[in-house]
Protein backbone atom coordinates (compact mmCIF):
# COMPACT_ATOMS: atom_id res chain seq x y z
CA MET A 1 20.49 38.09 -3.85
CA GLN A 2 21.76 38.79 -0.51
CA HIS A 3 18.44 39.73 0.47
CA THR A 4 16.69 36.49 -0.21
CA LEU A 5 18.72 34.27 0.70
CA PRO A 6 18.85 33.89 5.08
CA SER A 7 22.30 35.22 5.34
CA CYS A 8 20.65 38.22 4.80
CA GLN A 9 21.70 39.85 8.55
CA THR A 10 18.57 42.94 8.18
CA ALA A 11 16.07 40.82 7.47
CA LEU A 12 16.85 38.08 9.65
CA THR A 13 17.15 40.52 12.57
CA GLN A 14 14.23 42.33 11.47
CA GLY A 15 12.13 39.06 11.61
CA ARG A 16 11.33 38.79 8.25
CA TYR A 17 11.48 35.44 7.25
CA ARG A 18 9.33 34.25 10.20
CA TRP A 19 6.73 37.13 9.16
CA ARG A 20 6.90 35.71 5.78
CA GLN A 21 6.72 32.05 6.83
CA TYR A 22 4.01 32.62 9.40
CA THR A 23 2.02 34.62 6.76
CA VAL A 24 2.13 31.93 4.26
CA LEU A 25 1.06 29.59 7.35
CA LYS A 26 -1.95 31.60 7.99
CA GLU A 27 -3.00 31.79 4.74
CA LEU A 28 -2.70 27.93 4.12
CA ALA A 29 -4.42 27.48 7.53
CA ASP A 30 -7.37 30.00 6.47
CA ILE A 31 -7.71 27.76 3.40
CA LEU A 32 -7.99 24.50 4.66
CA GLU A 33 -10.26 25.74 7.56
CA ARG A 34 -12.58 26.88 5.03
CA GLU A 35 -12.75 23.71 3.22
CA ARG A 36 -13.07 21.88 6.37
CA ARG A 37 -16.28 23.85 7.33
CA LYS A 38 -17.93 23.28 3.62
CA THR A 39 -21.33 21.13 3.52
CA ARG A 40 -20.83 18.48 1.46
CA PRO A 41 -23.25 16.08 0.59
CA THR A 42 -23.52 12.51 2.34
CA ASN A 43 -23.85 10.10 -0.36
CA LYS A 44 -23.40 7.28 2.11
CA LYS A 45 -24.86 4.29 0.62
CA ALA A 46 -26.13 1.37 2.92
CA VAL A 47 -23.77 -1.11 3.37
CA PRO A 48 -25.02 -4.73 2.90
CA THR A 49 -24.43 -6.92 6.05
CA ILE A 50 -23.31 -10.28 6.05
CA LYS A 51 -25.26 -12.86 7.77
CA PHE A 52 -23.00 -15.60 8.50
CA VAL A 53 -24.13 -19.28 8.50
CA LYS A 54 -22.68 -22.55 10.93
CA GLU A 55 -21.56 -25.25 9.19
CA GLY A 56 -24.54 -27.75 8.91
CA GLN A 57 -27.11 -25.34 8.92
CA THR A 58 -28.79 -23.25 5.86
CA ALA A 59 -29.24 -19.57 5.20
CA LYS A 60 -32.73 -18.06 5.24
CA LYS A 61 -33.25 -16.49 1.93
CA ALA A 62 -33.23 -12.50 2.06
CA ARG A 63 -36.12 -10.67 1.12
CA THR A 64 -35.43 -8.22 -1.24
CA ALA A 65 -36.94 -4.40 -1.20
CA ALA A 66 -39.17 -3.60 -3.70
CA THR A 67 -38.10 -1.03 -6.26
CA SER A 68 -41.63 -0.65 -8.31
CA ILE A 69 -45.06 -1.68 -8.51
CA ARG A 70 -44.11 -4.28 -11.03
CA ASP A 71 -41.76 -5.90 -8.59
CA GLU A 72 -44.27 -6.35 -5.75
CA SER A 73 -46.55 -8.06 -8.57
CA GLU A 74 -44.10 -10.92 -9.10
CA ARG A 75 -44.06 -11.86 -6.18
């Protein structure tokens, strides 16, 4: 049990505590870097803009994009 606790002078003087911590940190850094470099699909949807209208004015009707031929024929 003495060797697992920070009171072990042999492990402390040999630098094993820091080595173990740095090894764990390096492994975590490698995993995080691999995850950061992964290419991910961009599913950014267009955010509709808000058209503000001054008081007393009327808003212009926005034209919606046609999604099919049938939608175009109904206009």
